Amino acid sequence: MRNEWCVSQHGEDYYGEFATRDDAIAEGVGMGWETFYVGRSEPVTAESTMPNGWDILEHMSNAACDQVGDHAGDWPHANKESRDRLTQKIHAAIAEWVKETDNEPGFFAVVGEEKIELQGDES
């Protein structure tokens, strides 16, 4: 999915893989909608949803505080380099799992949403 257009009647639940904006508009017109929305579909990657090292360390710190109290709040100790290494390892492990389980996202984000309002026949 690259630079494809999609359409929605109410600005939610977009669908379609139209090559051009005009093709997406033609779909809305063909559906008989007087007002609808078009936008570009942008694929969501598994990597864009993955936690980073900081997220994991914060989770660990919060879990430790829940278990033993606030005096564990400064644990674990990690500088930027070690957080970056953790991020790389987490991403590699999750990417492997995503591939093994065929869990690539099958959905997209909508960017550049545009409301289309057709002129009604006033005869």
PDB file of N, CA and C in Angstrom:
ATOM      1  N   MET A   1       0.858  -1.173   0.000  1.00  0.00           N
ATOM      2  CA  MET A   1       0.000   0.000   0.000  1.00  0.00           C
ATOM      3  C   MET A   1       0.904   1.236   0.000  1.00  0.00           C
ATOM      4  N   ARG A   2       0.901   1.982  -1.085  1.00  0.00           N
ATOM      5  CA  ARG A   2       1.723   3.187  -1.172  1.00  0.00           C
ATOM      6  C   ARG A   2       0.915   4.312  -1.772  1.00  0.00           C
ATOM      7  N   ASN A   3       0.889   5.422  -1.084  1.00  0.00           N
ATOM      8  CA  ASN A   3       0.238   6.618  -1.596  1.00  0.00           C
ATOM      9  C   ASN A   3      -1.120   6.323  -2.212  1.00  0.00           C
ATOM     10  N   GLU A   4      -1.857   5.461  -1.570  1.00  0.00           N
ATOM     11  CA  GLU A   4      -3.180   5.138  -2.068  1.00  0.00           C
ATOM     12  C   GLU A   4      -4.206   5.989  -1.349  1.00  0.00           C
ATOM     13  N   TRP A   5      -5.303   6.154  -1.993  1.00  0.00           N
ATOM     14  CA  TRP A   5      -6.385   6.968  -1.459  1.00  0.00           C
ATOM     15  C   TRP A   5      -7.482   6.071  -0.924  1.00  0.00           C
ATOM     16  N   CYS A   6      -8.197   6.589   0.058  1.00  0.00           N
ATOM     17  CA  CYS A   6      -9.301   5.855   0.663  1.00  0.00           C
ATOM     18  C   CYS A   6     -10.471   6.815   0.847  1.00  0.00           C
ATOM     19  N   VAL A   7     -11.633   6.279   1.184  1.00  0.00           N
ATOM     20  CA  VAL A   7     -12.848   7.071   1.277  1.00  0.00           C
ATOM     21  C   VAL A   7     -13.662   6.621   2.488  1.00  0.00           C
ATOM     22  N   SER A   8     -14.437   7.543   3.039  1.00  0.00           N
ATOM     23  CA  SER A   8     -15.309   7.247   4.177  1.00  0.00           C
ATOM     24  C   SER A   8     -16.538   8.138   4.120  1.00  0.00           C
ATOM     25  N   GLN A   9     -17.666   7.587   4.464  1.00  0.00           N
ATOM     26  CA  GLN A   9     -18.884   8.395   4.458  1.00  0.00           C
ATOM     27  C   GLN A   9     -18.897   9.400   5.612  1.00  0.00           C
ATOM     28  N   HIS A  10     -18.398   8.990   6.777  1.00  0.00           N
ATOM     29  CA  HIS A  10     -18.513   9.842   7.966  1.00  0.00           C
ATOM     30  C   HIS A  10     -17.176  10.277   8.563  1.00  0.00           C
ATOM     31  N   GLY A  11     -16.079  10.033   7.861  1.00  0.00           N
ATOM     32  CA  GLY A  11     -14.770  10.392   8.402  1.00  0.00           C
ATOM     33  C   GLY A  11     -14.239   9.361   9.373  1.00  0.00           C
ATOM     34  N   GLU A  12     -14.849   8.190   9.392  1.00  0.00           N
ATOM     35  CA  GLU A  12     -14.409   7.058  10.196  1.00  0.00           C
ATOM     36  C   GLU A  12     -14.493   5.830   9.301  1.00  0.00           C
ATOM     37  N   ASP A  13     -13.844   4.773   9.674  1.00  0.00           N
ATOM     38  CA  ASP A  13     -13.924   3.517   8.917  1.00  0.00           C
ATOM     39  C   ASP A  13     -13.677   3.728   7.429  1.00  0.00           C
ATOM     40  N   TYR A  14     -12.508   4.203   7.118  1.00  0.00           N
ATOM     41  CA  TYR A  14     -12.103   4.390   5.726  1.00  0.00           C
ATOM     42  C   TYR A  14     -11.885   3.040   5.058  1.00  0.00           C
ATOM     43  N   TYR A  15     -12.084   2.999   3.760  1.00  0.00           N
ATOM     44  CA  TYR A  15     -11.795   1.785   3.002  1.00  0.00           C
ATOM     45  C   TYR A  15     -11.311   2.164   1.610  1.00  0.00           C
ATOM     46  N   GLY A  16     -10.791   1.173   0.911  1.00  0.00           N
ATOM     47  CA  GLY A  16     -10.397   1.350  -0.478  1.00  0.00           C
ATOM     48  C   GLY A  16      -8.917   1.538  -0.659  1.00  0.00           C
ATOM     49  N   GLU A  17      -8.473   1.223  -1.847  1.00  0.00           N
ATOM     50  CA  GLU A  17      -7.091   1.412  -2.261  1.00  0.00           C
ATOM     51  C   GLU A  17      -7.130   2.044  -3.642  1.00  0.00           C
ATOM     52  N   PHE A  18      -7.548   3.287  -3.685  1.00  0.00           N
ATOM     53  CA  PHE A  18      -7.721   3.990  -4.948  1.00  0.00           C
ATOM     54  C   PHE A  18      -6.404   4.642  -5.361  1.00  0.00           C
ATOM     55  N   ALA A  19      -6.113   4.612  -6.648  1.00  0.00           N
ATOM     56  CA  ALA A  19      -4.850   5.126  -7.158  1.00  0.00           C
ATOM     57  C   ALA A  19      -4.755   6.643  -7.052  1.00  0.00           C
ATOM     58  N   THR A  20      -5.888   7.317  -7.178  1.00  0.00           N
ATOM     59  CA  THR A  20      -5.871   8.784  -7.177  1.00  0.00           C
ATOM     60  C   THR A  20      -6.977   9.335  -6.290  1.00  0.00           C
ATOM     61  N   ARG A  21      -6.849  10.592  -5.963  1.00  0.00           N
ATOM     62  CA  ARG A  21      -7.877  11.308  -5.211  1.00  0.00           C
ATOM     63  C   ARG A  21      -9.190  11.278  -5.983  1.00  0.00           C
ATOM     64  N   ASP A  22      -9.106  11.510  -7.300  1.00  0.00           N
ATOM     65  CA  ASP A  22     -10.318  11.513  -8.126  1.00  0.00           C
ATOM     66  C   ASP A  22     -11.024  10.161  -8.104  1.00  0.00           C
ATOM     67  N   ASP A  23     -10.248   9.067  -8.069  1.00  0.00           N
ATOM     68  CA  ASP A  23     -10.858   7.738  -7.994  1.00  0.00           C
ATOM     69  C   ASP A  23     -11.610   7.563  -6.667  1.00  0.00           C
ATOM     70  N   ALA A  24     -11.021   8.064  -5.588  1.00  0.00           N
ATOM     71  CA  ALA A  24     -11.680   7.966  -4.282  1.00  0.00           C
ATOM     72  C   ALA A  24     -12.958   8.802  -4.270  1.00  0.00           C
ATOM     73  N   ILE A  25     -12.889   9.988  -4.858  1.00  0.00           N
ATOM     74  CA  ILE A  25     -14.078  10.840  -4.941  1.00  0.00           C
ATOM     75  C   ILE A  25     -15.155  10.156  -5.789  1.00  0.00           C
ATOM     76  N   ALA A  26     -14.751   9.547  -6.883  1.00  0.00           N
ATOM     77  CA  ALA A  26     -15.709   8.843  -7.741  1.00  0.00           C
ATOM     78  C   ALA A  26     -16.428   7.734  -6.965  1.00  0.00           C
ATOM     79  N   GLU A  27     -15.718   7.076  -6.066  1.00  0.00           N
ATOM     80  CA  GLU A  27     -16.342   6.043  -5.236  1.00  0.00           C
ATOM     81  C   GLU A  27     -17.415   6.657  -4.345  1.00  0.00           C
ATOM     82  N   GLY A  28     -17.094   7.779  -3.690  1.00  0.00           N
ATOM     83  CA  GLY A  28     -18.082   8.447  -2.835  1.00  0.00           C
ATOM     84  C   GLY A  28     -19.295   8.899  -3.626  1.00  0.00           C
ATOM     85  N   VAL A  29     -19.060   9.449  -4.794  1.00  0.00           N
ATOM     86  CA  VAL A  29     -20.168   9.877  -5.661  1.00  0.00           C
ATOM     87  C   VAL A  29     -20.994   8.659  -6.070  1.00  0.00           C
ATOM     88  N   GLY A  30     -20.304   7.585  -6.461  1.00  0.00           N
ATOM     89  CA  GLY A  30     -20.988   6.363  -6.879  1.00  0.00           C
ATOM     90  C   GLY A  30     -21.830   5.746  -5.777  1.00  0.00           C
ATOM     91  N   MET A  31     -21.441   5.990  -4.534  1.00  0.00           N
ATOM     92  CA  MET A  31     -22.211   5.481  -3.391  1.00  0.00           C
ATOM     93  C   MET A  31     -23.430   6.358  -3.104  1.00  0.00           C
ATOM     94  N   GLY A  32     -23.502   7.500  -3.779  1.00  0.00           N
ATOM     95  CA  GLY A  32     -24.635   8.401  -3.578  1.00  0.00           C
ATOM     96  C   GLY A  32     -24.495   9.322  -2.378  1.00  0.00           C
ATOM     97  N   TRP A  33     -23.279   9.460  -1.873  1.00  0.00           N
ATOM     98  CA  TRP A  33     -23.056  10.308  -0.702  1.00  0.00           C
ATOM     99  C   TRP A  33     -22.926  11.758  -1.145  1.00  0.00           C
ATOM    100  N   GLU A  34     -23.619  12.670  -0.464  1.00  0.00           N
ATOM    101  CA  GLU A  34     -23.494  14.098  -0.762  1.00  0.00           C
ATOM    102  C   GLU A  34     -22.319  14.716  -0.011  1.00  0.00           C
ATOM    103  N   THR A  35     -22.012  14.151   1.142  1.00  0.00           N
ATOM    104  CA  THR A  35     -20.868  14.591   1.936  1.00  0.00           C
ATOM    105  C   THR A  35     -20.087  13.346   2.339  1.00  0.00           C
ATOM    106  N   PHE A  36     -18.783  13.379   2.130  1.00  0.00           N
ATOM    107  CA  PHE A  36     -17.933  12.254   2.496  1.00  0.00           C
ATOM    108  C   PHE A  36     -16.494  12.744   2.621  1.00  0.00           C
ATOM    109  N   TYR A  37     -15.611  11.850   2.944  1.00  0.00           N
ATOM    110  CA  TYR A  37     -14.215  12.199   3.210  1.00  0.00           C
ATOM    111  C   TYR A  37     -13.285  11.319   2.380  1.00  0.00           C
ATOM    112  N   VAL A  38     -12.196  11.909   1.932  1.00  0.00           N
ATOM    113  CA  VAL A  38     -11.130  11.157   1.269  1.00  0.00           C
ATOM    114  C   VAL A  38      -9.811  11.505   1.957  1.00  0.00           C
ATOM    115  N   GLY A  39      -8.865  10.614   1.826  1.00  0.00           N
ATOM    116  CA  GLY A  39      -7.546  10.856   2.394  1.00  0.00           C
ATOM    117  C   GLY A  39      -6.569   9.839   1.859  1.00  0.00           C
ATOM    118  N   ARG A  40      -5.308  10.054   2.147  1.00  0.00           N
ATOM    119  CA  ARG A  40      -4.269   9.098   1.747  1.00  0.00           C
ATOM    120  C   ARG A  40      -4.131   8.040   2.833  1.00  0.00           C
ATOM    121  N   SER A  41      -4.003   6.807   2.405  1.00  0.00           N
ATOM    122  CA  SER A  41      -3.786   5.729   3.367  1.00  0.00           C
ATOM    123  C   SER A  41      -2.285   5.532   3.554  1.00  0.00           C
ATOM    124  N   GLU A  42      -1.884   5.517   4.803  1.00  0.00           N
ATOM    125  CA  GLU A  42      -0.473   5.339   5.156  1.00  0.00           C
ATOM    126  C   GLU A  42      -0.355   4.058   5.973  1.00  0.00           C
ATOM    127  N   PRO A  43       0.408   3.083   5.488  1.00  0.00           N
ATOM    128  CA  PRO A  43       0.503   1.809   6.200  1.00  0.00           C
ATOM    129  C   PRO A  43       1.053   1.993   7.617  1.00  0.00           C
ATOM    130  N   VAL A  44       0.546   1.207   8.525  1.00  0.00           N
ATOM    131  CA  VAL A  44       1.064   1.159   9.886  1.00  0.00           C
ATOM    132  C   VAL A  44       1.974  -0.055   9.953  1.00  0.00           C
ATOM    133  N   THR A  45       3.190   0.141  10.402  1.00  0.00           N
ATOM    134  CA  THR A  45       4.132  -0.971  10.523  1.00  0.00           C
ATOM    135  C   THR A  45       4.147  -1.486  11.954  1.00  0.00           C
ATOM    136  N   ALA A  46       4.493  -2.737  12.097  1.00  0.00           N
ATOM    137  CA  ALA A  46       4.608  -3.302  13.442  1.00  0.00           C
ATOM    138  C   ALA A  46       5.650  -2.529  14.244  1.00  0.00           C
ATOM    139  N   GLU A  47       6.742  -2.140  13.587  1.00  0.00           N
ATOM    140  CA  GLU A  47       7.813  -1.431  14.292  1.00  0.00           C
ATOM    141  C   GLU A  47       7.320  -0.108  14.883  1.00  0.00           C
ATOM    142  N   SER A  48       6.419   0.561  14.175  1.00  0.00           N
ATOM    143  CA  SER A  48       5.940   1.860  14.676  1.00  0.00           C
ATOM    144  C   SER A  48       5.108   1.725  15.946  1.00  0.00           C
ATOM    145  N   THR A  49       4.690   0.503  16.271  1.00  0.00           N
ATOM    146  CA  THR A  49       3.871   0.286  17.467  1.00  0.00           C
ATOM    147  C   THR A  49       4.664  -0.283  18.634  1.00  0.00           C
ATOM    148  N   MET A  50       5.945  -0.585  18.398  1.00  0.00           N
ATOM    149  CA  MET A  50       6.744  -1.277  19.419  1.00  0.00           C
ATOM    150  C   MET A  50       7.201  -0.335  20.530  1.00  0.00           C
ATOM    151  N   PRO A  51       7.278  -0.868  21.744  1.00  0.00           N
ATOM    152  CA  PRO A  51       7.823  -0.064  22.837  1.00  0.00           C
ATOM    153  C   PRO A  51       9.322   0.118  22.656  1.00  0.00           C
ATOM    154  N   ASN A  52       9.844   1.171  23.258  1.00  0.00           N
ATOM    155  CA  ASN A  52      11.299   1.358  23.219  1.00  0.00           C
ATOM    156  C   ASN A  52      11.886   0.979  24.579  1.00  0.00           C
ATOM    157  N   GLY A  53      13.192   1.049  24.681  1.00  0.00           N
ATOM    158  CA  GLY A  53      13.857   0.676  25.924  1.00  0.00           C
ATOM    159  C   GLY A  53      13.372   1.488  27.114  1.00  0.00           C
ATOM    160  N   TRP A  54      13.151   2.780  26.892  1.00  0.00           N
ATOM    161  CA  TRP A  54      12.672   3.638  27.976  1.00  0.00           C
ATOM    162  C   TRP A  54      11.317   3.156  28.489  1.00  0.00           C
ATOM    163  N   ASP A  55      10.414   2.779  27.562  1.00  0.00           N
ATOM    164  CA  ASP A  55       9.091   2.287  27.961  1.00  0.00           C
ATOM    165  C   ASP A  55       9.207   1.052  28.854  1.00  0.00           C
ATOM    166  N   ILE A  56      10.083   0.134  28.467  1.00  0.00           N
ATOM    167  CA  ILE A  56      10.259  -1.106  29.225  1.00  0.00           C
ATOM    168  C   ILE A  56      10.857  -0.814  30.603  1.00  0.00           C
ATOM    169  N   LEU A  57      11.865   0.058  30.647  1.00  0.00           N
ATOM    170  CA  LEU A  57      12.487   0.393  31.927  1.00  0.00           C
ATOM    171  C   LEU A  57      11.494   1.097  32.854  1.00  0.00           C
ATOM    172  N   GLU A  58      10.687   1.967  32.294  1.00  0.00           N
ATOM    173  CA  GLU A  58       9.669   2.645  33.103  1.00  0.00           C
ATOM    174  C   GLU A  58       8.660   1.636  33.644  1.00  0.00           C
ATOM    175  N   HIS A  59       8.262   0.689  32.809  1.00  0.00           N
ATOM    176  CA  HIS A  59       7.342  -0.353  33.257  1.00  0.00           C
ATOM    177  C   HIS A  59       7.961  -1.169  34.394  1.00  0.00           C
ATOM    178  N   MET A  60       9.234  -1.529  34.240  1.00  0.00           N
ATOM    179  CA  MET A  60       9.924  -2.292  35.278  1.00  0.00           C
ATOM    180  C   MET A  60       9.996  -1.506  36.584  1.00  0.00           C
ATOM    181  N   SER A  61      10.307  -0.203  36.484  1.00  0.00           N
ATOM    182  CA  SER A  61      10.393   0.640  37.671  1.00  0.00           C
ATOM    183  C   SER A  61       9.033   0.727  38.369  1.00  0.00           C
ATOM    184  N   ASN A  62       7.980   0.936  37.590  1.00  0.00           N
ATOM    185  CA  ASN A  62       6.635   1.017  38.169  1.00  0.00           C
ATOM    186  C   ASN A  62       6.235  -0.296  38.832  1.00  0.00           C
ATOM    187  N   ALA A  63       6.569  -1.420  38.190  1.00  0.00           N
ATOM    188  CA  ALA A  63       6.246  -2.721  38.770  1.00  0.00           C
ATOM    189  C   ALA A  63       7.015  -2.935  40.078  1.00  0.00           C
ATOM    190  N   ALA A  64       8.274  -2.522  40.096  1.00  0.00           N
ATOM    191  CA  ALA A  64       9.069  -2.652  41.326  1.00  0.00           C
ATOM    192  C   ALA A  64       8.468  -1.801  42.439  1.00  0.00           C
ATOM    193  N   CYS A  65       8.060  -0.575  42.109  1.00  0.00           N
ATOM    194  CA  CYS A  65       7.441   0.307  43.116  1.00  0.00           C
ATOM    195  C   CYS A  65       6.133  -0.289  43.630  1.00  0.00           C
ATOM    196  N   ASP A  66       5.368  -0.895  42.733  1.00  0.00           N
ATOM    197  CA  ASP A  66       4.120  -1.544  43.158  1.00  0.00           C
ATOM    198  C   ASP A  66       4.403  -2.692  44.134  1.00  0.00           C
ATOM    199  N   GLN A  67       5.517  -3.382  43.914  1.00  0.00           N
ATOM    200  CA  GLN A  67       5.847  -4.533  44.755  1.00  0.00           C
ATOM    201  C   GLN A  67       6.448  -4.141  46.093  1.00  0.00           C
ATOM    202  N   VAL A  68       7.334  -3.129  46.096  1.00  0.00           N
ATOM    203  CA  VAL A  68       8.076  -2.855  47.329  1.00  0.00           C
ATOM    204  C   VAL A  68       8.012  -1.412  47.793  1.00  0.00           C
ATOM    205  N   GLY A  69       7.382  -0.547  47.021  1.00  0.00           N
ATOM    206  CA  GLY A  69       7.273   0.845  47.423  1.00  0.00           C
ATOM    207  C   GLY A  69       8.176   1.759  46.618  1.00  0.00           C
ATOM    208  N   ASP A  70       8.043   3.056  46.925  1.00  0.00           N
ATOM    209  CA  ASP A  70       8.726   4.084  46.137  1.00  0.00           C
ATOM    210  C   ASP A  70      10.246   4.038  46.215  1.00  0.00           C
ATOM    211  N   HIS A  71      10.808   3.380  47.228  1.00  0.00           N
ATOM    212  CA  HIS A  71      12.268   3.357  47.318  1.00  0.00           C
ATOM    213  C   HIS A  71      12.902   2.574  46.164  1.00  0.00           C
ATOM    214  N   ALA A  72      12.094   1.863  45.348  1.00  0.00           N
ATOM    215  CA  ALA A  72      12.611   1.159  44.174  1.00  0.00           C
ATOM    216  C   ALA A  72      12.486   2.011  42.912  1.00  0.00           C
ATOM    217  N   GLY A  73      12.021   3.242  43.068  1.00  0.00           N
ATOM    218  CA  GLY A  73      11.713   4.097  41.928  1.00  0.00           C
ATOM    219  C   GLY A  73      12.887   4.501  41.068  1.00  0.00           C
ATOM    220  N   ASP A  74      14.100   4.402  41.579  1.00  0.00           N
ATOM    221  CA  ASP A  74      15.251   4.789  40.760  1.00  0.00           C
ATOM    222  C   ASP A  74      15.896   3.581  40.088  1.00  0.00           C
ATOM    223  N   TRP A  75      15.227   2.456  40.110  1.00  0.00           N
ATOM    224  CA  TRP A  75      15.708   1.245  39.459  1.00  0.00           C
ATOM    225  C   TRP A  75      14.853   0.974  38.241  1.00  0.00           C
ATOM    226  N   PRO A  76      15.331   0.436  37.184  1.00  0.00           N
ATOM    227  CA  PRO A  76      16.703   0.042  36.898  1.00  0.00           C
ATOM    228  C   PRO A  76      17.547   1.218  36.420  1.00  0.00           C
ATOM    229  N   HIS A  77      18.830   1.092  36.552  1.00  0.00           N
ATOM    230  CA  HIS A  77      19.777   2.136  36.154  1.00  0.00           C
ATOM    231  C   HIS A  77      20.193   1.880  34.708  1.00  0.00           C
ATOM    232  N   ALA A  78      20.017   2.891  33.855  1.00  0.00           N
ATOM    233  CA  ALA A  78      20.384   2.700  32.446  1.00  0.00           C
ATOM    234  C   ALA A  78      20.708   4.044  31.814  1.00  0.00           C
ATOM    235  N   ASN A  79      21.854   4.102  31.156  1.00  0.00           N
ATOM    236  CA  ASN A  79      22.190   5.312  30.413  1.00  0.00           C
ATOM    237  C   ASN A  79      21.599   5.213  29.003  1.00  0.00           C
ATOM    238  N   LYS A  80      21.761   6.248  28.204  1.00  0.00           N
ATOM    239  CA  LYS A  80      21.169   6.272  26.869  1.00  0.00           C
ATOM    240  C   LYS A  80      21.658   5.117  26.014  1.00  0.00           C
ATOM    241  N   GLU A  81      22.937   4.827  26.089  1.00  0.00           N
ATOM    242  CA  GLU A  81      23.499   3.741  25.279  1.00  0.00           C
ATOM    243  C   GLU A  81      22.849   2.402  25.622  1.00  0.00           C
ATOM    244  N   SER A  82      22.694   2.130  26.910  1.00  0.00           N
ATOM    245  CA  SER A  82      22.094   0.839  27.296  1.00  0.00           C
ATOM    246  C   SER A  82      20.599   0.809  26.976  1.00  0.00           C
ATOM    247  N   ARG A  83      19.919   1.953  27.066  1.00  0.00           N
ATOM    248  CA  ARG A  83      18.503   2.008  26.659  1.00  0.00           C
ATOM    249  C   ARG A  83      18.373   1.745  25.165  1.00  0.00           C
ATOM    250  N   ASP A  84      19.276   2.321  24.377  1.00  0.00           N
ATOM    251  CA  ASP A  84      19.252   2.105  22.931  1.00  0.00           C
ATOM    252  C   ASP A  84      19.493   0.632  22.590  1.00  0.00           C
ATOM    253  N   ARG A  85      20.426  -0.006  23.296  1.00  0.00           N
ATOM    254  CA  ARG A  85      20.676  -1.446  23.068  1.00  0.00           C
ATOM    255  C   ARG A  85      19.438  -2.260  23.417  1.00  0.00           C
ATOM    256  N   LEU A  86      18.784  -1.890  24.521  1.00  0.00           N
ATOM    257  CA  LEU A  86      17.568  -2.586  24.917  1.00  0.00           C
ATOM    258  C   LEU A  86      16.487  -2.409  23.847  1.00  0.00           C
ATOM    259  N   THR A  87      16.351  -1.203  23.329  1.00  0.00           N
ATOM    260  CA  THR A  87      15.374  -0.956  22.268  1.00  0.00           C
ATOM    261  C   THR A  87      15.646  -1.849  21.071  1.00  0.00           C
ATOM    262  N   GLN A  88      16.902  -1.937  20.660  1.00  0.00           N
ATOM    263  CA  GLN A  88      17.258  -2.784  19.508  1.00  0.00           C
ATOM    264  C   GLN A  88      16.898  -4.244  19.767  1.00  0.00           C
ATOM    265  N   LYS A  89      17.189  -4.728  20.953  1.00  0.00           N
ATOM    266  CA  LYS A  89      16.900  -6.127  21.282  1.00  0.00           C
ATOM    267  C   LYS A  89      15.391  -6.378  21.343  1.00  0.00           C
ATOM    268  N   ILE A  90      14.659  -5.443  21.932  1.00  0.00           N
ATOM    269  CA  ILE A  90      13.204  -5.587  22.018  1.00  0.00           C
ATOM    270  C   ILE A  90      12.601  -5.602  20.617  1.00  0.00           C
ATOM    271  N   HIS A  91      13.031  -4.664  19.785  1.00  0.00           N
ATOM    272  CA  HIS A  91      12.493  -4.583  18.419  1.00  0.00           C
ATOM    273  C   HIS A  91      12.814  -5.843  17.629  1.00  0.00           C
ATOM    274  N   ALA A  92      14.023  -6.365  17.786  1.00  0.00           N
ATOM    275  CA  ALA A  92      14.395  -7.590  17.073  1.00  0.00           C
ATOM    276  C   ALA A  92      13.528  -8.766  17.522  1.00  0.00           C
ATOM    277  N   ALA A  93      13.325  -8.893  18.825  1.00  0.00           N
ATOM    278  CA  ALA A  93      12.515  -9.998  19.352  1.00  0.00           C
ATOM    279  C   ALA A  93      11.062  -9.880  18.892  1.00  0.00           C
ATOM    280  N   ILE A  94      10.506  -8.677  18.958  1.00  0.00           N
ATOM    281  CA  ILE A  94       9.111  -8.500  18.550  1.00  0.00           C
ATOM    282  C   ILE A  94       8.974  -8.694  17.041  1.00  0.00           C
ATOM    283  N   ALA A  95       9.921  -8.187  16.265  1.00  0.00           N
ATOM    284  CA  ALA A  95       9.869  -8.358  14.808  1.00  0.00           C
ATOM    285  C   ALA A  95       9.896  -9.841  14.447  1.00  0.00           C
ATOM    286  N   GLU A  96      10.710 -10.609  15.128  1.00  0.00           N
ATOM    287  CA  GLU A  96      10.766 -12.047  14.886  1.00  0.00           C
ATOM    288  C   GLU A  96       9.419 -12.692  15.211  1.00  0.00           C
ATOM    289  N   TRP A  97       8.821 -12.316  16.339  1.00  0.00           N
ATOM    290  CA  TRP A  97       7.526 -12.851  16.738  1.00  0.00           C
ATOM    291  C   TRP A  97       6.454 -12.465  15.721  1.00  0.00           C
ATOM    292  N   VAL A  98       6.458 -11.211  15.280  1.00  0.00           N
ATOM    293  CA  VAL A  98       5.476 -10.742  14.298  1.00  0.00           C
ATOM    294  C   VAL A  98       5.571 -11.586  13.027  1.00  0.00           C
ATOM    295  N   LYS A  99       6.790 -11.830  12.581  1.00  0.00           N
ATOM    296  CA  LYS A  99       6.997 -12.620  11.362  1.00  0.00           C
ATOM    297  C   LYS A  99       6.551 -14.067  11.568  1.00  0.00           C
ATOM    298  N   GLU A 100       6.959 -14.679  12.681  1.00  0.00           N
ATOM    299  CA  GLU A 100       6.612 -16.078  12.960  1.00  0.00           C
ATOM    300  C   GLU A 100       5.113 -16.299  13.059  1.00  0.00           C
ATOM    301  N   THR A 101       4.413 -15.307  13.565  1.00  0.00           N
ATOM    302  CA  THR A 101       2.971 -15.464  13.801  1.00  0.00           C
ATOM    303  C   THR A 101       2.120 -14.774  12.740  1.00  0.00           C
ATOM    304  N   ASP A 102       2.760 -14.269  11.687  1.00  0.00           N
ATOM    305  CA  ASP A 102       2.067 -13.592  10.593  1.00  0.00           C
ATOM    306  C   ASP A 102       1.157 -12.487  11.139  1.00  0.00           C
ATOM    307  N   ASN A 103       1.753 -11.610  11.939  1.00  0.00           N
ATOM    308  CA  ASN A 103       1.008 -10.548  12.603  1.00  0.00           C
ATOM    309  C   ASN A 103       1.324  -9.151  12.086  1.00  0.00           C
ATOM    310  N   GLU A 104       1.703  -9.034  10.813  1.00  0.00           N
ATOM    311  CA  GLU A 104       1.900  -7.695  10.256  1.00  0.00           C
ATOM    312  C   GLU A 104       0.564  -6.971  10.272  1.00  0.00           C
ATOM    313  N   PRO A 105       0.558  -5.694  10.637  1.00  0.00           N
ATOM    314  CA  PRO A 105      -0.703  -4.945  10.644  1.00  0.00           C
ATOM    315  C   PRO A 105      -1.338  -4.937   9.257  1.00  0.00           C
ATOM    316  N   GLY A 106      -2.628  -5.117   9.231  1.00  0.00           N
ATOM    317  CA  GLY A 106      -3.376  -5.090   7.972  1.00  0.00           C
ATOM    318  C   GLY A 106      -4.255  -3.857   7.897  1.00  0.00           C
ATOM    319  N   PHE A 107      -3.861  -2.812   8.570  1.00  0.00           N
ATOM    320  CA  PHE A 107      -4.658  -1.592   8.628  1.00  0.00           C
ATOM    321  C   PHE A 107      -3.782  -0.403   8.294  1.00  0.00           C
ATOM    322  N   PHE A 108      -4.392   0.750   8.173  1.00  0.00           N
ATOM    323  CA  PHE A 108      -3.651   1.937   7.772  1.00  0.00           C
ATOM    324  C   PHE A 108      -4.147   3.152   8.527  1.00  0.00           C
ATOM    325  N   ALA A 109      -3.298   4.176   8.557  1.00  0.00           N
ATOM    326  CA  ALA A 109      -3.677   5.479   9.098  1.00  0.00           C
ATOM    327  C   ALA A 109      -4.120   6.346   7.923  1.00  0.00           C
ATOM    328  N   VAL A 110      -4.982   7.293   8.189  1.00  0.00           N
ATOM    329  CA  VAL A 110      -5.445   8.206   7.147  1.00  0.00           C
ATOM    330  C   VAL A 110      -4.775   9.555   7.372  1.00  0.00           C
ATOM    331  N   VAL A 111      -4.123  10.057   6.339  1.00  0.00           N
ATOM    332  CA  VAL A 111      -3.463  11.356   6.421  1.00  0.00           C
ATOM    333  C   VAL A 111      -4.050  12.279   5.359  1.00  0.00           C
ATOM    334  N   GLY A 112      -4.065  13.550   5.667  1.00  0.00           N
ATOM    335  CA  GLY A 112      -4.565  14.531   4.706  1.00  0.00           C
ATOM    336  C   GLY A 112      -6.045  14.396   4.446  1.00  0.00           C
ATOM    337  N   GLU A 113      -6.793  14.076   5.489  1.00  0.00           N
ATOM    338  CA  GLU A 113      -8.240  13.915   5.343  1.00  0.00           C
ATOM    339  C   GLU A 113      -8.870  15.185   4.765  1.00  0.00           C
ATOM    340  N   GLU A 114      -9.770  14.991   3.834  1.00  0.00           N
ATOM    341  CA  GLU A 114     -10.428  16.112   3.171  1.00  0.00           C
ATOM    342  C   GLU A 114     -11.932  15.840   3.078  1.00  0.00           C
ATOM    343  N   LYS A 115     -12.719  16.801   3.511  1.00  0.00           N
ATOM    344  CA  LYS A 115     -14.171  16.674   3.433  1.00  0.00           C
ATOM    345  C   LYS A 115     -14.625  17.091   2.041  1.00  0.00           C
ATOM    346  N   ILE A 116     -15.437  16.255   1.413  1.00  0.00           N
ATOM    347  CA  ILE A 116     -15.991  16.535   0.095  1.00  0.00           C
ATOM    348  C   ILE A 116     -17.483  16.786   0.259  1.00  0.00           C
ATOM    349  N   GLU A 117     -17.942  17.937  -0.187  1.00  0.00           N
ATOM    350  CA  GLU A 117     -19.358  18.273  -0.130  1.00  0.00           C
ATOM    351  C   GLU A 117     -19.839  18.565  -1.550  1.00  0.00           C
ATOM    352  N   LEU A 118     -20.745  17.728  -2.011  1.00  0.00           N
ATOM    353  CA  LEU A 118     -21.262  17.907  -3.361  1.00  0.00           C
ATOM    354  C   LEU A 118     -22.439  18.883  -3.335  1.00  0.00           C
ATOM    355  N   GLN A 119     -22.561  19.638  -4.390  1.00  0.00           N
ATOM    356  CA  GLN A 119     -23.677  20.569  -4.531  1.00  0.00           C
ATOM    357  C   GLN A 119     -24.916  19.764  -4.891  1.00  0.00           C
ATOM    358  N   GLY A 120     -26.001  19.939  -4.155  1.00  0.00           N
ATOM    359  CA  GLY A 120     -27.256  19.252  -4.472  1.00  0.00           C
ATOM    360  C   GLY A 120     -27.915  19.888  -5.684  1.00  0.00           C
ATOM    361  N   ASP A 121     -28.764  19.133  -6.343  1.00  0.00           N
ATOM    362  CA  ASP A 121     -29.504  19.627  -7.510  1.00  0.00           C
ATOM    363  C   ASP A 121     -30.625  20.517  -7.012  1.00  0.00           C
ATOM    364  N   GLU A 122     -30.561  21.799  -7.371  1.00  0.00           N
ATOM    365  CA  GLU A 122     -31.553  22.772  -6.861  1.00  0.00           C
ATOM    366  C   GLU A 122     -32.560  23.148  -7.933  1.00  0.00           C
ATOM    367  N   SER A 123     -32.900  22.242  -8.832  1.00  0.00           N
ATOM    368  CA  SER A 123     -33.861  22.572  -9.893  1.00  0.00           C
ATOM    369  C   SER A 123     -35.278  22.540  -9.426  1.00  0.00           C
TER     370      SER A 123
END
